[in-house]
Amino acid sequence: MSTLTSNDTLAEVFDVHPIIIQDIIKTNTSITTTESNVVNQLVPVSSTDAELESVRGTLHDLIGKGSGAIDNVLAVAKESQHPRAYEVAGLLIKNVGELADKLINLQKAKAELSVKEDGPRSVNIDKAVFVGSTADLLKSIKKNND
């Protein structure tokens, strides 16, 4: 058996190759960024739409990362059985839920903006129901005829 010195790394001692996690994370991030850039290049949008899509993409990204973090924190909490780990998991779940709410609110805001830009939309009424007495109905009909 060889003697260890303070300059030896664990990889050298155990004769293994270290795994570089940062390269894996950078690869996944670059794929996500590339996909969103392709979508933005294909669809010509106004500056407001571009900003909304940017925020929407960011929220989707945060929700995805938060979901992955929840899985990891729950695994740690299960293994450690520590109350603080469960507290962190609960807070993380709450934050991801709030992000989902923000995403829905963003969609509502986008719909409201499109209605304001397009103007009021016409509504077709197929069937109308009168609520009231027959006397009120007859008065309304006579008033419309006059």
C-alpha atoms as a PDB file:
ATOM      1  CA  MET A   1       0.000   0.000   0.000  1.00  0.00           C
ATOM      2  CA  SER A   2       1.304   3.441  -0.894  1.00  0.00           C
ATOM      3  CA  THR A   3       1.739   6.259   1.565  1.00  0.00           C
ATOM      4  CA  LEU A   4      -0.532   9.276   1.296  1.00  0.00           C
ATOM      5  CA  THR A   5       0.710  12.812   1.105  1.00  0.00           C
ATOM      6  CA  SER A   6      -1.238  16.007   1.621  1.00  0.00           C
ATOM      7  CA  ASN A   7      -0.989  16.759  -2.093  1.00  0.00           C
ATOM      8  CA  ASP A   8      -2.880  13.604  -3.140  1.00  0.00           C
ATOM      9  CA  THR A   9      -6.482  14.116  -4.203  1.00  0.00           C
ATOM     10  CA  LEU A  10      -9.224  11.636  -3.404  1.00  0.00           C
ATOM     11  CA  ALA A  11      -9.510  10.762  -7.082  1.00  0.00           C
ATOM     12  CA  GLU A  12      -5.840   9.762  -7.163  1.00  0.00           C
ATOM     13  CA  VAL A  13      -6.062   7.829  -3.896  1.00  0.00           C
ATOM     14  CA  PHE A  14      -9.075   5.780  -4.963  1.00  0.00           C
ATOM     15  CA  ASP A  15      -8.049   5.647  -8.620  1.00  0.00           C
ATOM     16  CA  VAL A  16     -11.329   7.099  -9.926  1.00  0.00           C
ATOM     17  CA  HIS A  17     -12.184   9.921 -12.286  1.00  0.00           C
ATOM     18  CA  PRO A  18     -14.134  12.853 -10.812  1.00  0.00           C
ATOM     19  CA  ILE A  19     -17.554  13.657 -12.274  1.00  0.00           C
ATOM     20  CA  ILE A  20     -17.933  17.259 -13.293  1.00  0.00           C
ATOM     21  CA  ILE A  21     -21.535  18.224 -12.608  1.00  0.00           C
ATOM     22  CA  GLN A  22     -21.204  21.789 -13.896  1.00  0.00           C
ATOM     23  CA  ASP A  23     -20.733  20.580 -17.481  1.00  0.00           C
ATOM     24  CA  ILE A  24     -23.985  18.622 -17.312  1.00  0.00           C
ATOM     25  CA  ILE A  25     -25.911  21.609 -15.953  1.00  0.00           C
ATOM     26  CA  LYS A  26     -24.431  23.950 -18.560  1.00  0.00           C
ATOM     27  CA  THR A  27     -25.430  21.536 -21.335  1.00  0.00           C
ATOM     28  CA  ASN A  28     -29.054  21.392 -20.164  1.00  0.00           C
ATOM     29  CA  THR A  29     -29.200  25.171 -19.777  1.00  0.00           C
ATOM     30  CA  SER A  30     -27.830  25.746 -23.262  1.00  0.00           C
ATOM     31  CA  ILE A  31     -30.447  23.427 -24.767  1.00  0.00           C
ATOM     32  CA  THR A  32     -33.266  25.306 -23.030  1.00  0.00           C
ATOM     33  CA  THR A  33     -31.859  28.658 -24.128  1.00  0.00           C
ATOM     34  CA  THR A  34     -31.452  27.448 -27.714  1.00  0.00           C
ATOM     35  CA  GLU A  35     -35.029  26.164 -27.875  1.00  0.00           C
ATOM     36  CA  SER A  36     -36.468  29.444 -26.594  1.00  0.00           C
ATOM     37  CA  ASN A  37     -34.317  31.408 -29.066  1.00  0.00           C
ATOM     38  CA  VAL A  38     -35.603  29.298 -31.966  1.00  0.00           C
ATOM     39  CA  VAL A  39     -39.201  29.958 -30.930  1.00  0.00           C
ATOM     40  CA  ASN A  40     -38.550  33.701 -30.624  1.00  0.00           C
ATOM     41  CA  GLN A  41     -36.925  33.793 -34.073  1.00  0.00           C
ATOM     42  CA  LEU A  42     -39.798  31.987 -35.792  1.00  0.00           C
ATOM     43  CA  VAL A  43     -42.644  34.163 -34.522  1.00  0.00           C
ATOM     44  CA  PRO A  44     -42.496  37.907 -35.156  1.00  0.00           C
ATOM     45  CA  VAL A  45     -43.963  39.642 -32.115  1.00  0.00           C
ATOM     46  CA  SER A  46     -44.357  43.157 -30.783  1.00  0.00           C
ATOM     47  CA  SER A  47     -42.212  44.358 -27.900  1.00  0.00           C
ATOM     48  CA  THR A  48     -45.012  43.756 -25.376  1.00  0.00           C
ATOM     49  CA  ASP A  49     -45.546  40.245 -26.668  1.00  0.00           C
ATOM     50  CA  ALA A  50     -41.809  39.630 -26.625  1.00  0.00           C
ATOM     51  CA  GLU A  51     -41.588  40.779 -23.015  1.00  0.00           C
ATOM     52  CA  LEU A  52     -44.541  38.622 -22.017  1.00  0.00           C
ATOM     53  CA  GLU A  53     -43.008  35.607 -23.747  1.00  0.00           C
ATOM     54  CA  SER A  54     -39.692  36.297 -22.041  1.00  0.00           C
ATOM     55  CA  VAL A  55     -41.365  36.421 -18.625  1.00  0.00           C
ATOM     56  CA  ARG A  56     -43.384  33.326 -19.492  1.00  0.00           C
ATOM     57  CA  GLY A  57     -40.226  31.459 -20.483  1.00  0.00           C
ATOM     58  CA  THR A  58     -38.516  32.531 -17.276  1.00  0.00           C
ATOM     59  CA  LEU A  59     -41.450  31.366 -15.172  1.00  0.00           C
ATOM     60  CA  HIS A  60     -41.510  28.015 -16.975  1.00  0.00           C
ATOM     61  CA  ASP A  61     -37.779  27.654 -16.380  1.00  0.00           C
ATOM     62  CA  LEU A  62     -38.125  28.505 -12.682  1.00  0.00           C
ATOM     63  CA  ILE A  63     -41.021  26.089 -12.255  1.00  0.00           C
ATOM     64  CA  GLY A  64     -38.985  23.335 -13.911  1.00  0.00           C
ATOM     65  CA  LYS A  65     -35.952  23.993 -11.741  1.00  0.00           C
ATOM     66  CA  GLY A  66     -38.159  24.257  -8.655  1.00  0.00           C
ATOM     67  CA  SER A  67     -39.768  20.910  -9.419  1.00  0.00           C
ATOM     68  CA  GLY A  68     -36.347  19.299  -9.701  1.00  0.00           C
ATOM     69  CA  ALA A  69     -35.256  20.953  -6.463  1.00  0.00           C
ATOM     70  CA  ILE A  70     -38.407  19.683  -4.723  1.00  0.00           C
ATOM     71  CA  ASP A  71     -37.537  16.136  -5.733  1.00  0.00           C
ATOM     72  CA  ASN A  72     -34.018  16.533  -4.364  1.00  0.00           C
ATOM     73  CA  VAL A  73     -35.111  18.198  -1.113  1.00  0.00           C
ATOM     74  CA  LEU A  74     -37.755  15.553  -0.509  1.00  0.00           C
ATOM     75  CA  ALA A  75     -35.145  12.846  -0.999  1.00  0.00           C
ATOM     76  CA  VAL A  76     -32.866  14.569   1.521  1.00  0.00           C
ATOM     77  CA  ALA A  77     -35.754  15.010   3.954  1.00  0.00           C
ATOM     78  CA  LYS A  78     -36.726  11.359   3.635  1.00  0.00           C
ATOM     79  CA  GLU A  79     -33.164  10.189   4.244  1.00  0.00           C
ATOM     80  CA  SER A  80     -32.367  12.547   7.111  1.00  0.00           C
ATOM     81  CA  GLN A  81     -35.816  12.605   8.760  1.00  0.00           C
ATOM     82  CA  HIS A  82     -34.915  16.105   9.955  1.00  0.00           C
ATOM     83  CA  PRO A  83     -37.787  18.559  10.573  1.00  0.00           C
ATOM     84  CA  ARG A  84     -35.906  21.453   8.986  1.00  0.00           C
ATOM     85  CA  ALA A  85     -35.543  19.496   5.743  1.00  0.00           C
ATOM     86  CA  TYR A  86     -39.311  18.984   5.637  1.00  0.00           C
ATOM     87  CA  GLU A  87     -39.844  22.669   6.390  1.00  0.00           C
ATOM     88  CA  VAL A  88     -37.605  23.634   3.474  1.00  0.00           C
ATOM     89  CA  ALA A  89     -39.457  21.179   1.223  1.00  0.00           C
ATOM     90  CA  GLY A  90     -42.784  22.706   2.233  1.00  0.00           C
ATOM     91  CA  LEU A  91     -41.568  26.237   1.527  1.00  0.00           C
ATOM     92  CA  LEU A  92     -40.168  25.185  -1.818  1.00  0.00           C
ATOM     93  CA  ILE A  93     -43.465  23.533  -2.785  1.00  0.00           C
ATOM     94  CA  LYS A  94     -45.300  26.725  -1.781  1.00  0.00           C
ATOM     95  CA  ASN A  95     -42.948  28.874  -3.871  1.00  0.00           C
ATOM     96  CA  VAL A  96     -43.341  26.685  -6.960  1.00  0.00           C
ATOM     97  CA  GLY A  97     -47.118  26.843  -6.509  1.00  0.00           C
ATOM     98  CA  GLU A  98     -46.946  30.637  -6.361  1.00  0.00           C
ATOM     99  CA  LEU A  99     -44.884  30.642  -9.548  1.00  0.00           C
ATOM    100  CA  ALA A 100     -47.594  28.599 -11.237  1.00  0.00           C
ATOM    101  CA  ASP A 101     -50.173  31.157 -10.075  1.00  0.00           C
ATOM    102  CA  LYS A 102     -48.027  33.957 -11.499  1.00  0.00           C
ATOM    103  CA  LEU A 103     -47.891  32.100 -14.801  1.00  0.00           C
ATOM    104  CA  ILE A 104     -51.692  31.859 -14.917  1.00  0.00           C
ATOM    105  CA  ASN A 105     -52.008  35.557 -14.026  1.00  0.00           C
ATOM    106  CA  LEU A 106     -49.577  36.372 -16.817  1.00  0.00           C
ATOM    107  CA  GLN A 107     -51.761  34.459 -19.283  1.00  0.00           C
ATOM    108  CA  LYS A 108     -54.819  36.406 -18.069  1.00  0.00           C
ATOM    109  CA  ALA A 109     -52.963  39.701 -18.442  1.00  0.00           C
ATOM    110  CA  LYS A 110     -51.898  38.731 -21.946  1.00  0.00           C
ATOM    111  CA  ALA A 111     -55.504  37.936 -22.865  1.00  0.00           C
ATOM    112  CA  GLU A 112     -56.672  41.282 -21.454  1.00  0.00           C
ATOM    113  CA  LEU A 113     -54.008  43.121 -23.427  1.00  0.00           C
ATOM    114  CA  SER A 114     -55.028  41.405 -26.641  1.00  0.00           C
ATOM    115  CA  VAL A 115     -58.678  42.347 -26.056  1.00  0.00           C
ATOM    116  CA  LYS A 116     -57.701  45.984 -25.466  1.00  0.00           C
ATOM    117  CA  GLU A 117     -55.588  46.039 -28.630  1.00  0.00           C
ATOM    118  CA  ASP A 118     -58.214  44.351 -30.796  1.00  0.00           C
ATOM    119  CA  GLY A 119     -61.099  46.332 -29.342  1.00  0.00           C
ATOM    120  CA  PRO A 120     -64.307  44.861 -27.998  1.00  0.00           C
ATOM    121  CA  ARG A 121     -65.294  41.599 -29.575  1.00  0.00           C
ATOM    122  CA  SER A 122     -68.802  41.000 -30.864  1.00  0.00           C
ATOM    123  CA  VAL A 123     -70.908  38.465 -29.026  1.00  0.00           C
ATOM    124  CA  ASN A 124     -73.497  36.291 -30.723  1.00  0.00           C
ATOM    125  CA  ILE A 125     -76.450  35.384 -28.535  1.00  0.00           C
ATOM    126  CA  ASP A 126     -78.105  32.167 -29.663  1.00  0.00           C
ATOM    127  CA  LYS A 127     -80.793  31.996 -27.017  1.00  0.00           C
ATOM    128  CA  ALA A 128     -82.039  34.681 -24.648  1.00  0.00           C
ATOM    129  CA  VAL A 129     -83.981  34.042 -21.499  1.00  0.00           C
ATOM    130  CA  PHE A 130     -86.275  36.637 -19.961  1.00  0.00           C
ATOM    131  CA  VAL A 131     -86.446  36.591 -16.181  1.00  0.00           C
ATOM    132  CA  GLY A 132     -89.548  38.262 -14.851  1.00  0.00           C
ATOM    133  CA  SER A 133     -93.308  38.062 -14.906  1.00  0.00           C
ATOM    134  CA  THR A 134     -95.403  37.801 -18.059  1.00  0.00           C
ATOM    135  CA  ALA A 135     -96.718  41.298 -17.449  1.00  0.00           C
ATOM    136  CA  ASP A 136     -93.157  42.644 -17.469  1.00  0.00           C
ATOM    137  CA  LEU A 137     -92.470  40.726 -20.674  1.00  0.00           C
ATOM    138  CA  LEU A 138     -95.553  42.182 -22.392  1.00  0.00           C
ATOM    139  CA  LYS A 139     -94.557  45.709 -21.302  1.00  0.00           C
ATOM    140  CA  SER A 140     -91.046  45.175 -22.670  1.00  0.00           C
ATOM    141  CA  ILE A 141     -92.382  43.894 -25.998  1.00  0.00           C
ATOM    142  CA  LYS A 142     -94.802  46.832 -26.349  1.00  0.00           C
ATOM    143  CA  LYS A 143     -91.995  49.260 -25.504  1.00  0.00           C
ATOM    144  CA  ASN A 144     -89.732  47.750 -28.189  1.00  0.00           C
ATOM    145  CA  ASN A 145     -92.539  47.842 -30.781  1.00  0.00           C
ATOM    146  CA  ASP A 146     -93.237  51.554 -30.188  1.00  0.00           C
END
